[in-house]
Amino acid sequence: MPKGFWTTAYIGAVVAINWLFVVVPMVPVLGTMFPPVMLVVGFVFVFRDFAQREIGHWVVIAMVVAGCISYFMSSPVVALASVTAFLISEAIDWAVYTFTRKPLSQRILFSSAVAVPVDTIVFLLMVGFFDWTAVALVSAAKMLGALGFWMVLRNRAPLEELA
């Protein structure tokens, strides 16, 4: 991959998801409203992990850049909720990813498993769509992306050796 690929993918994914959250209507699922865009949000956490490998702790600056772009491309409320949720969950994700001495695939899975529910709770509270069913559904949807990457990476020894 070219230098900066994962950082650019991370910024682009955050902006795209925030924009999609505004334009894609929510659907009723199990008695709550579910934002379908959450089915792809899990990839953002994986992109963040790879972006951290590229630029280290500067990944927080990439998140702020994504939040600023989102402010103008989606809605201020969604952008603020996104930045706040990401700052909190990214701190958790970063700590788990950084201090866990496991292979890359396991670090991605563990960091996402801890950070995703926190991100979901903060975001849904701030946009006014919080309920526990929504937290469970959205968290599960977000983890699909992380689980997909985990399944691919656990079988790719060369990437594991880079960890």
Protein backbone atom coordinates (compact mmCIF):
# COMPACT_ATOMS: atom_id res chain seq x y z
CA MET A 1 0.00 0.00 0.00
CA PRO A 2 1.23 3.53 -0.68
CA LYS A 3 2.30 5.57 2.33
CA GLY A 4 -0.72 7.26 3.88
CA PHE A 5 -3.24 4.85 2.35
CA TRP A 6 -4.76 3.71 5.65
CA THR A 7 -4.79 7.21 7.13
CA THR A 8 -6.61 8.51 4.06
CA ALA A 9 -8.99 5.54 4.17
CA TYR A 10 -9.67 6.26 7.85
CA ILE A 11 -10.44 9.95 7.27
CA GLY A 12 -12.58 9.15 4.23
CA ALA A 13 -14.51 6.44 6.05
CA VAL A 14 -15.34 8.71 9.00
CA VAL A 15 -16.54 11.49 6.68
CA ALA A 16 -18.55 9.09 4.48
CA ILE A 17 -20.23 7.40 7.43
CA ASN A 18 -21.15 10.69 9.07
CA TRP A 19 -22.63 11.92 5.78
CA LEU A 20 -24.51 8.65 5.25
CA PHE A 21 -25.90 8.80 8.79
CA VAL A 22 -27.63 12.04 7.80
CA VAL A 23 -28.91 10.99 4.36
CA VAL A 24 -29.83 7.30 4.83
CA PRO A 25 -33.14 6.93 6.70
CA MET A 26 -33.30 4.81 9.82
CA VAL A 27 -35.30 1.60 9.73
CA PRO A 28 -37.36 -0.02 12.49
CA VAL A 29 -35.71 -3.14 13.93
CA LEU A 30 -36.80 -4.96 17.11
CA GLY A 31 -38.80 -2.02 18.39
CA THR A 32 -36.09 0.61 17.87
CA MET A 33 -34.84 2.71 15.00
CA PHE A 34 -31.65 1.36 13.42
CA PRO A 35 -29.31 3.40 11.20
CA PRO A 36 -28.34 0.98 8.37
CA VAL A 37 -25.03 2.80 7.86
CA MET A 38 -23.88 1.24 11.14
CA LEU A 39 -23.37 -2.01 9.24
CA VAL A 40 -20.13 -0.56 7.86
CA VAL A 41 -18.90 1.49 10.82
CA GLY A 42 -16.83 -1.41 12.15
CA PHE A 43 -14.38 -0.86 9.34
CA VAL A 44 -13.52 2.57 10.76
CA PHE A 45 -12.05 0.95 13.87
CA VAL A 46 -9.93 -1.37 11.74
CA PHE A 47 -8.82 1.50 9.49
CA ARG A 48 -7.81 3.39 12.63
CA ASP A 49 -5.63 0.50 13.74
CA PHE A 50 -3.87 0.42 10.37
CA ALA A 51 -3.59 4.22 10.30
CA GLN A 52 -1.92 4.07 13.72
CA ARG A 53 0.63 1.67 12.23
CA GLU A 54 1.34 4.30 9.54
CA ILE A 55 1.46 7.48 11.59
CA GLY A 56 1.61 6.38 15.21
CA HIS A 57 -0.17 8.48 17.78
CA TRP A 58 -0.78 11.20 15.19
CA VAL A 59 -3.87 9.18 14.30
CA VAL A 60 -5.78 11.47 16.67
CA ILE A 61 -5.03 14.39 14.33
CA ALA A 62 -6.48 12.35 11.45
CA MET A 63 -9.65 11.86 13.52
CA VAL A 64 -9.93 15.60 14.20
CA VAL A 65 -9.46 16.32 10.47
CA ALA A 66 -12.24 13.84 9.67
CA GLY A 67 -14.47 15.51 12.26
CA CYS A 68 -13.85 18.98 10.82
CA ILE A 69 -14.66 17.81 7.30
CA SER A 70 -17.77 16.02 8.62
CA TYR A 71 -18.94 19.23 10.28
CA PHE A 72 -19.44 20.77 6.84
CA MET A 73 -20.42 17.64 4.89
CA SER A 74 -22.96 16.07 7.24
CA SER A 75 -24.51 17.95 10.14
CA PRO A 76 -22.90 19.78 13.06
CA VAL A 77 -24.74 17.56 15.58
CA VAL A 78 -23.58 14.35 13.91
CA ALA A 79 -20.04 15.69 13.49
CA LEU A 80 -19.81 16.72 17.16
CA ALA A 81 -21.26 13.40 18.32
CA SER A 82 -18.89 11.54 16.03
CA VAL A 83 -15.79 13.44 17.18
CA THR A 84 -16.72 13.10 20.84
CA ALA A 85 -17.53 9.40 20.55
CA PHE A 86 -14.39 8.77 18.51
CA LEU A 87 -12.15 10.68 20.94
CA ILE A 88 -13.38 8.60 23.85
CA SER A 89 -13.48 5.29 22.04
CA GLU A 90 -10.23 5.98 20.19
CA ALA A 91 -8.46 6.49 23.51
CA ILE A 92 -9.77 3.10 24.63
CA ASP A 93 -9.05 1.50 21.26
CA TRP A 94 -5.54 2.99 21.15
CA ALA A 95 -4.70 1.76 24.65
CA VAL A 96 -5.90 -1.79 23.99
CA TYR A 97 -4.27 -1.90 20.55
CA THR A 98 -0.99 -0.36 21.77
CA PHE A 99 -0.46 -2.24 25.02
CA THR A 100 -1.73 -5.67 24.00
CA ARG A 101 1.22 -7.77 22.92
CA LYS A 102 -0.91 -10.12 20.86
CA PRO A 103 -0.71 -10.72 17.09
CA LEU A 104 -2.18 -7.96 14.90
CA SER A 105 -5.45 -9.79 14.21
CA GLN A 106 -6.11 -10.27 17.93
CA ARG A 107 -5.22 -6.65 18.76
CA ILE A 108 -7.70 -5.45 16.15
CA LEU A 109 -10.42 -7.72 17.50
CA PHE A 110 -9.78 -6.89 21.18
CA SER A 111 -9.49 -3.15 20.65
CA SER A 112 -12.70 -3.07 18.61
CA ALA A 113 -14.58 -5.24 21.13
CA VAL A 114 -13.81 -2.77 23.91
CA ALA A 115 -14.12 0.51 21.99
CA VAL A 116 -17.18 -0.22 19.84
CA PRO A 117 -19.80 -0.34 22.64
CA VAL A 118 -18.41 2.84 24.23
CA ASP A 119 -18.45 4.65 20.88
CA THR A 120 -22.01 3.48 20.25
CA ILE A 121 -23.34 4.64 23.62
CA VAL A 122 -21.72 8.08 23.39
CA PHE A 123 -22.78 8.65 19.77
CA LEU A 124 -26.39 7.53 20.24
CA LEU A 125 -26.75 9.61 23.41
CA MET A 126 -25.47 12.72 21.64
CA VAL A 127 -27.69 12.35 18.55
CA GLY A 128 -30.76 11.58 20.65
CA PHE A 129 -31.37 7.97 19.54
CA PHE A 130 -30.23 6.10 22.65
CA ASP A 131 -31.89 2.95 23.89
CA TRP A 132 -30.30 -0.35 24.93
CA THR A 133 -31.71 -2.30 22.00
CA ALA A 134 -30.17 0.23 19.62
CA VAL A 135 -26.84 -0.02 21.50
CA ALA A 136 -26.86 -3.81 21.12
CA LEU A 137 -27.85 -3.72 17.44
CA VAL A 138 -25.46 -0.95 16.47
CA SER A 139 -22.56 -2.48 18.43
CA ALA A 140 -23.16 -5.84 16.77
CA ALA A 141 -23.29 -4.20 13.35
CA LYS A 142 -20.05 -2.31 13.99
CA MET A 143 -18.29 -5.48 15.11
CA LEU A 144 -19.04 -7.18 11.78
CA GLY A 145 -16.31 -5.15 10.07
CA ALA A 146 -13.77 -5.91 12.77
CA LEU A 147 -14.67 -9.60 12.72
CA GLY A 148 -14.25 -9.70 8.94
CA PHE A 149 -10.76 -8.22 9.15
CA TRP A 150 -9.89 -10.50 12.05
CA MET A 151 -10.87 -13.58 10.06
CA VAL A 152 -8.72 -12.49 7.13
CA LEU A 153 -5.71 -11.43 9.20
CA ARG A 154 -5.57 -14.44 11.49
CA ASN A 155 -4.79 -16.57 8.43
CA ARG A 156 -2.11 -14.25 7.01
CA ALA A 157 1.13 -14.95 8.86
CA PRO A 158 3.21 -12.28 7.06
CA LEU A 159 1.00 -9.50 8.44
CA GLU A 160 1.16 -11.08 11.89
CA GLU A 161 4.95 -10.96 11.77
CA LEU A 162 4.80 -7.19 11.12
CA ALA A 163 2.83 -6.62 14.31
